[in-house]
Amino acid sequence: MVDDHPLEYGNFEGIIPDNYYGAGAVIIWDSGNYEPVQIDLDKKHVEFILHGTELKGAFVLTGFKGNNWLLIKRKDEFARYSYVTRPKLTNTTLKKLDEKRPPCNIHEL
């Protein structure tokens, strides 16, 4: 669980300074749209389709005790038996991120 974040964070990439909540490099790893398929929060069951640049296809979120959730990839044309994420946080990216500031007052972080 994390605290809610302002909508302005949805496009933020940069470095949050040490000693502030969420300190470190922040990148947008994926973006896109989703289609809800079935939502039953009482049963902690959410099905949806992702149309992202990285993640695509049908997924299910299923809840367990407390606020623990498991993301499951459904078998479809986008499913792969092995999937390796591509690192996006390179030295070049870190240099570019270092020049950016968080979209809010740093004292509010």
N, C-alpha and C. Protein backbone atom coordinates (compact mmCIF):
# COMPACT_ATOMS: atom_id res chain seq x y z
N MET A 1 0.83 -1.19 0.00
CA MET A 1 0.00 0.00 0.00
C MET A 1 0.87 1.24 0.00
N VAL A 2 0.48 2.19 -0.79
CA VAL A 2 1.14 3.49 -0.78
C VAL A 2 0.06 4.55 -0.64
N ASP A 3 0.48 5.72 -0.21
CA ASP A 3 -0.45 6.83 -0.11
C ASP A 3 -0.89 7.26 -1.51
N ASP A 4 -2.06 7.87 -1.59
CA ASP A 4 -2.50 8.44 -2.85
C ASP A 4 -1.51 9.53 -3.27
N HIS A 5 -1.33 9.67 -4.56
CA HIS A 5 -0.42 10.68 -5.10
C HIS A 5 -1.22 11.67 -5.95
N PRO A 6 -0.76 12.92 -6.02
CA PRO A 6 -1.44 13.89 -6.88
C PRO A 6 -1.41 13.43 -8.34
N LEU A 7 -2.42 13.79 -9.11
CA LEU A 7 -2.46 13.41 -10.53
C LEU A 7 -1.25 13.93 -11.30
N GLU A 8 -0.66 15.05 -10.84
CA GLU A 8 0.51 15.60 -11.51
C GLU A 8 1.67 14.61 -11.53
N TYR A 9 1.67 13.65 -10.62
CA TYR A 9 2.74 12.65 -10.59
C TYR A 9 2.64 11.66 -11.74
N GLY A 10 1.49 11.61 -12.41
CA GLY A 10 1.27 10.66 -13.49
C GLY A 10 2.22 10.82 -14.66
N ASN A 11 2.80 12.00 -14.82
CA ASN A 11 3.73 12.26 -15.91
C ASN A 11 5.13 12.60 -15.40
N PHE A 12 5.35 12.48 -14.10
CA PHE A 12 6.63 12.91 -13.53
C PHE A 12 7.71 11.86 -13.70
N GLU A 13 8.83 12.29 -14.21
CA GLU A 13 10.07 11.52 -14.19
C GLU A 13 11.14 12.45 -13.66
N GLY A 14 11.91 11.98 -12.72
CA GLY A 14 12.96 12.80 -12.12
C GLY A 14 13.51 12.10 -10.90
N ILE A 15 14.22 12.85 -10.09
CA ILE A 15 14.79 12.28 -8.88
C ILE A 15 14.26 13.03 -7.67
N ILE A 16 13.63 12.31 -6.77
CA ILE A 16 13.16 12.90 -5.52
C ILE A 16 14.34 12.86 -4.56
N PRO A 17 14.68 14.00 -3.97
CA PRO A 17 15.87 14.07 -3.12
C PRO A 17 15.81 13.12 -1.91
N ASP A 18 16.99 12.75 -1.41
CA ASP A 18 17.09 11.94 -0.21
C ASP A 18 16.36 12.62 0.93
N ASN A 19 15.92 11.83 1.89
CA ASN A 19 15.20 12.29 3.09
C ASN A 19 13.78 12.75 2.81
N TYR A 20 13.26 12.48 1.60
CA TYR A 20 11.87 12.78 1.28
C TYR A 20 11.17 11.49 0.90
N TYR A 21 9.87 11.44 1.17
CA TYR A 21 9.08 10.26 0.85
C TYR A 21 9.24 9.90 -0.62
N GLY A 22 9.56 8.64 -0.89
CA GLY A 22 9.72 8.19 -2.27
C GLY A 22 11.05 8.57 -2.88
N ALA A 23 12.04 8.90 -2.05
CA ALA A 23 13.34 9.36 -2.55
C ALA A 23 13.92 8.40 -3.57
N GLY A 24 14.54 8.97 -4.59
CA GLY A 24 15.21 8.18 -5.61
C GLY A 24 14.69 8.48 -6.99
N ALA A 25 15.17 7.71 -7.94
CA ALA A 25 14.79 7.92 -9.33
C ALA A 25 13.36 7.44 -9.58
N VAL A 26 12.63 8.23 -10.35
CA VAL A 26 11.25 7.90 -10.72
C VAL A 26 11.16 7.92 -12.24
N ILE A 27 10.75 6.79 -12.83
CA ILE A 27 10.54 6.74 -14.27
C ILE A 27 9.17 6.17 -14.56
N ILE A 28 8.65 6.48 -15.72
CA ILE A 28 7.40 5.89 -16.18
C ILE A 28 7.78 4.67 -16.99
N TRP A 29 7.54 3.49 -16.44
CA TRP A 29 7.95 2.25 -17.09
C TRP A 29 6.97 1.84 -18.18
N ASP A 30 5.69 2.16 -18.01
CA ASP A 30 4.68 1.79 -18.98
C ASP A 30 3.56 2.82 -18.95
N SER A 31 2.89 2.96 -20.06
CA SER A 31 1.72 3.83 -20.11
C SER A 31 0.78 3.30 -21.19
N GLY A 32 -0.45 3.66 -21.09
CA GLY A 32 -1.44 3.22 -22.06
C GLY A 32 -2.84 3.32 -21.48
N ASN A 33 -3.73 2.51 -22.00
CA ASN A 33 -5.13 2.51 -21.57
C ASN A 33 -5.52 1.12 -21.08
N TYR A 34 -6.67 1.06 -20.44
CA TYR A 34 -7.18 -0.22 -19.99
C TYR A 34 -8.68 -0.29 -20.25
N GLU A 35 -9.19 -1.51 -20.33
CA GLU A 35 -10.61 -1.77 -20.46
C GLU A 35 -11.06 -2.62 -19.29
N PRO A 36 -11.96 -2.13 -18.46
CA PRO A 36 -12.48 -2.99 -17.40
C PRO A 36 -13.33 -4.09 -18.02
N VAL A 37 -13.21 -5.31 -17.49
CA VAL A 37 -14.00 -6.44 -17.97
C VAL A 37 -15.01 -6.86 -16.91
N GLN A 38 -14.51 -7.10 -15.69
CA GLN A 38 -15.38 -7.48 -14.58
C GLN A 38 -14.77 -6.95 -13.29
N ILE A 39 -15.58 -6.24 -12.52
CA ILE A 39 -15.10 -5.70 -11.25
C ILE A 39 -16.06 -6.12 -10.14
N ASP A 40 -15.53 -6.86 -9.18
CA ASP A 40 -16.30 -7.25 -8.01
C ASP A 40 -15.41 -7.04 -6.79
N LEU A 41 -15.42 -5.82 -6.26
CA LEU A 41 -14.54 -5.49 -5.15
C LEU A 41 -14.92 -6.23 -3.87
N ASP A 42 -16.20 -6.59 -3.72
CA ASP A 42 -16.61 -7.38 -2.54
C ASP A 42 -15.91 -8.73 -2.53
N LYS A 43 -15.70 -9.31 -3.70
CA LYS A 43 -15.01 -10.60 -3.81
C LYS A 43 -13.53 -10.43 -4.13
N LYS A 44 -13.08 -9.17 -4.14
CA LYS A 44 -11.67 -8.85 -4.45
C LYS A 44 -11.24 -9.48 -5.77
N HIS A 45 -12.01 -9.20 -6.81
CA HIS A 45 -11.74 -9.77 -8.13
C HIS A 45 -11.93 -8.66 -9.17
N VAL A 46 -10.86 -8.38 -9.93
CA VAL A 46 -10.91 -7.35 -10.96
C VAL A 46 -10.26 -7.91 -12.23
N GLU A 47 -11.02 -7.93 -13.32
CA GLU A 47 -10.49 -8.36 -14.61
C GLU A 47 -10.44 -7.15 -15.53
N PHE A 48 -9.37 -7.06 -16.34
CA PHE A 48 -9.22 -5.92 -17.24
C PHE A 48 -8.27 -6.28 -18.37
N ILE A 49 -8.29 -5.45 -19.41
CA ILE A 49 -7.39 -5.61 -20.55
C ILE A 49 -6.49 -4.38 -20.60
N LEU A 50 -5.18 -4.60 -20.69
CA LEU A 50 -4.21 -3.51 -20.78
C LEU A 50 -3.80 -3.28 -22.23
N HIS A 51 -3.71 -2.02 -22.59
CA HIS A 51 -3.20 -1.61 -23.90
C HIS A 51 -2.00 -0.69 -23.65
N GLY A 52 -0.96 -1.24 -23.05
CA GLY A 52 0.22 -0.46 -22.71
C GLY A 52 1.32 -0.62 -23.73
N THR A 53 2.40 0.12 -23.51
CA THR A 53 3.56 -0.05 -24.39
C THR A 53 4.36 -1.28 -23.97
N GLU A 54 4.28 -1.67 -22.70
CA GLU A 54 4.97 -2.85 -22.19
C GLU A 54 4.01 -4.00 -21.92
N LEU A 55 2.97 -3.73 -21.18
CA LEU A 55 2.01 -4.77 -20.80
C LEU A 55 0.77 -4.68 -21.68
N LYS A 56 0.40 -5.84 -22.26
CA LYS A 56 -0.75 -5.89 -23.16
C LYS A 56 -1.56 -7.14 -22.85
N GLY A 57 -2.85 -7.06 -23.08
CA GLY A 57 -3.71 -8.22 -22.95
C GLY A 57 -4.50 -8.27 -21.66
N ALA A 58 -5.07 -9.46 -21.40
CA ALA A 58 -5.98 -9.67 -20.28
C ALA A 58 -5.22 -9.98 -18.99
N PHE A 59 -5.68 -9.37 -17.90
CA PHE A 59 -5.09 -9.55 -16.58
C PHE A 59 -6.21 -9.69 -15.55
N VAL A 60 -5.86 -10.25 -14.41
CA VAL A 60 -6.77 -10.35 -13.28
C VAL A 60 -6.01 -9.90 -12.03
N LEU A 61 -6.67 -9.10 -11.23
CA LEU A 61 -6.19 -8.78 -9.88
C LEU A 61 -7.08 -9.53 -8.92
N THR A 62 -6.49 -10.33 -8.05
CA THR A 62 -7.27 -11.05 -7.05
C THR A 62 -6.72 -10.72 -5.67
N GLY A 63 -7.62 -10.43 -4.76
CA GLY A 63 -7.22 -9.99 -3.44
C GLY A 63 -7.14 -11.11 -2.43
N PHE A 64 -6.28 -10.92 -1.44
CA PHE A 64 -6.10 -11.86 -0.34
C PHE A 64 -6.37 -11.13 0.96
N LYS A 65 -5.99 -11.71 2.08
CA LYS A 65 -6.20 -11.07 3.37
C LYS A 65 -5.55 -9.70 3.40
N GLY A 66 -6.19 -8.78 4.10
CA GLY A 66 -5.66 -7.43 4.18
C GLY A 66 -5.75 -6.74 2.83
N ASN A 67 -4.74 -5.98 2.50
CA ASN A 67 -4.69 -5.29 1.21
C ASN A 67 -3.66 -5.92 0.29
N ASN A 68 -3.53 -7.23 0.32
CA ASN A 68 -2.60 -7.94 -0.54
C ASN A 68 -3.32 -8.38 -1.81
N TRP A 69 -2.71 -8.08 -2.97
CA TRP A 69 -3.30 -8.40 -4.26
C TRP A 69 -2.27 -9.13 -5.11
N LEU A 70 -2.75 -10.01 -5.97
CA LEU A 70 -1.90 -10.74 -6.89
C LEU A 70 -2.34 -10.40 -8.32
N LEU A 71 -1.37 -10.01 -9.17
CA LEU A 71 -1.64 -9.72 -10.57
C LEU A 71 -1.35 -10.98 -11.38
N ILE A 72 -2.34 -11.43 -12.14
CA ILE A 72 -2.22 -12.65 -12.94
C ILE A 72 -2.42 -12.30 -14.41
N LYS A 73 -1.51 -12.77 -15.25
CA LYS A 73 -1.64 -12.59 -16.71
C LYS A 73 -2.49 -13.73 -17.25
N ARG A 74 -3.56 -13.39 -17.97
CA ARG A 74 -4.41 -14.41 -18.62
C ARG A 74 -3.72 -14.93 -19.87
N LYS A 75 -4.04 -16.15 -20.25
CA LYS A 75 -3.52 -16.70 -21.50
C LYS A 75 -4.27 -16.07 -22.66
N ASP A 76 -3.53 -15.37 -23.50
CA ASP A 76 -4.09 -14.76 -24.71
C ASP A 76 -2.96 -14.59 -25.71
N GLU A 77 -3.21 -13.86 -26.79
CA GLU A 77 -2.17 -13.71 -27.83
C GLU A 77 -0.93 -12.96 -27.35
N PHE A 78 -1.02 -12.27 -26.21
CA PHE A 78 0.12 -11.52 -25.69
C PHE A 78 0.88 -12.28 -24.60
N ALA A 79 0.34 -13.42 -24.16
CA ALA A 79 0.97 -14.19 -23.09
C ALA A 79 2.27 -14.83 -23.58
N ARG A 80 3.29 -14.83 -22.72
CA ARG A 80 4.58 -15.45 -23.02
C ARG A 80 4.96 -16.35 -21.85
N TYR A 81 5.56 -17.50 -22.15
CA TYR A 81 5.98 -18.40 -21.07
C TYR A 81 7.14 -17.80 -20.28
N SER A 82 7.97 -17.02 -20.95
CA SER A 82 9.03 -16.32 -20.22
C SER A 82 8.97 -14.85 -20.64
N TYR A 83 9.12 -14.00 -19.66
CA TYR A 83 9.07 -12.56 -19.92
C TYR A 83 10.17 -11.89 -19.12
N VAL A 84 10.98 -11.12 -19.79
CA VAL A 84 12.06 -10.41 -19.13
C VAL A 84 11.82 -8.92 -19.32
N THR A 85 11.76 -8.20 -18.22
CA THR A 85 11.59 -6.76 -18.32
C THR A 85 12.87 -6.13 -18.83
N ARG A 86 12.72 -5.11 -19.62
CA ARG A 86 13.87 -4.38 -20.15
C ARG A 86 14.19 -3.22 -19.21
N PRO A 87 15.43 -3.14 -18.73
CA PRO A 87 15.77 -2.03 -17.84
C PRO A 87 15.71 -0.70 -18.59
N LYS A 88 15.09 0.27 -17.96
CA LYS A 88 15.01 1.60 -18.55
C LYS A 88 15.81 2.63 -17.75
N LEU A 89 16.27 2.24 -16.58
CA LEU A 89 17.01 3.16 -15.73
C LEU A 89 18.50 3.00 -16.01
N THR A 90 18.95 3.65 -17.07
CA THR A 90 20.36 3.59 -17.47
C THR A 90 21.10 4.80 -16.92
N ASN A 91 22.43 4.83 -17.06
CA ASN A 91 23.21 6.00 -16.62
C ASN A 91 22.77 7.25 -17.37
N THR A 92 22.49 7.13 -18.66
CA THR A 92 22.03 8.27 -19.45
C THR A 92 20.70 8.78 -18.92
N THR A 93 19.79 7.85 -18.63
CA THR A 93 18.48 8.24 -18.08
C THR A 93 18.66 8.92 -16.73
N LEU A 94 19.53 8.38 -15.88
CA LEU A 94 19.76 8.99 -14.56
C LEU A 94 20.26 10.43 -14.69
N LYS A 95 21.14 10.69 -15.66
CA LYS A 95 21.64 12.06 -15.85
C LYS A 95 20.50 12.99 -16.25
N LYS A 96 19.63 12.53 -17.14
CA LYS A 96 18.49 13.36 -17.55
C LYS A 96 17.52 13.58 -16.40
N LEU A 97 17.28 12.53 -15.60
CA LEU A 97 16.37 12.65 -14.48
C LEU A 97 16.89 13.60 -13.42
N ASP A 98 18.19 13.65 -13.24
CA ASP A 98 18.80 14.48 -12.22
C ASP A 98 18.50 15.96 -12.43
N GLU A 99 18.18 16.34 -13.66
CA GLU A 99 17.90 17.74 -13.98
C GLU A 99 16.45 18.13 -13.71
N LYS A 100 15.59 17.15 -13.42
CA LYS A 100 14.17 17.42 -13.23
C LYS A 100 13.82 17.48 -11.76
N ARG A 101 12.79 18.24 -11.46
CA ARG A 101 12.32 18.39 -10.08
C ARG A 101 10.93 17.78 -9.94
N PRO A 102 10.56 17.35 -8.74
CA PRO A 102 9.19 16.86 -8.53
C PRO A 102 8.17 17.95 -8.87
N PRO A 103 6.95 17.55 -9.29
CA PRO A 103 5.93 18.53 -9.71
C PRO A 103 5.23 19.24 -8.57
N CYS A 104 5.68 19.03 -7.32
CA CYS A 104 5.05 19.68 -6.19
C CYS A 104 6.12 20.35 -5.35
N ASN A 105 5.67 21.06 -4.36
CA ASN A 105 6.59 21.70 -3.43
C ASN A 105 7.35 20.59 -2.69
N ILE A 106 8.65 20.62 -2.73
CA ILE A 106 9.49 19.57 -2.15
C ILE A 106 9.20 19.38 -0.66
N HIS A 107 8.73 20.38 0.00
CA HIS A 107 8.44 20.28 1.43
C HIS A 107 7.17 19.50 1.70
N GLU A 108 6.36 19.24 0.64
CA GLU A 108 5.14 18.48 0.81
C GLU A 108 5.37 17.00 0.59
N LEU A 109 6.56 16.60 0.12
CA LEU A 109 6.81 15.19 -0.17
C LEU A 109 6.90 14.37 1.10
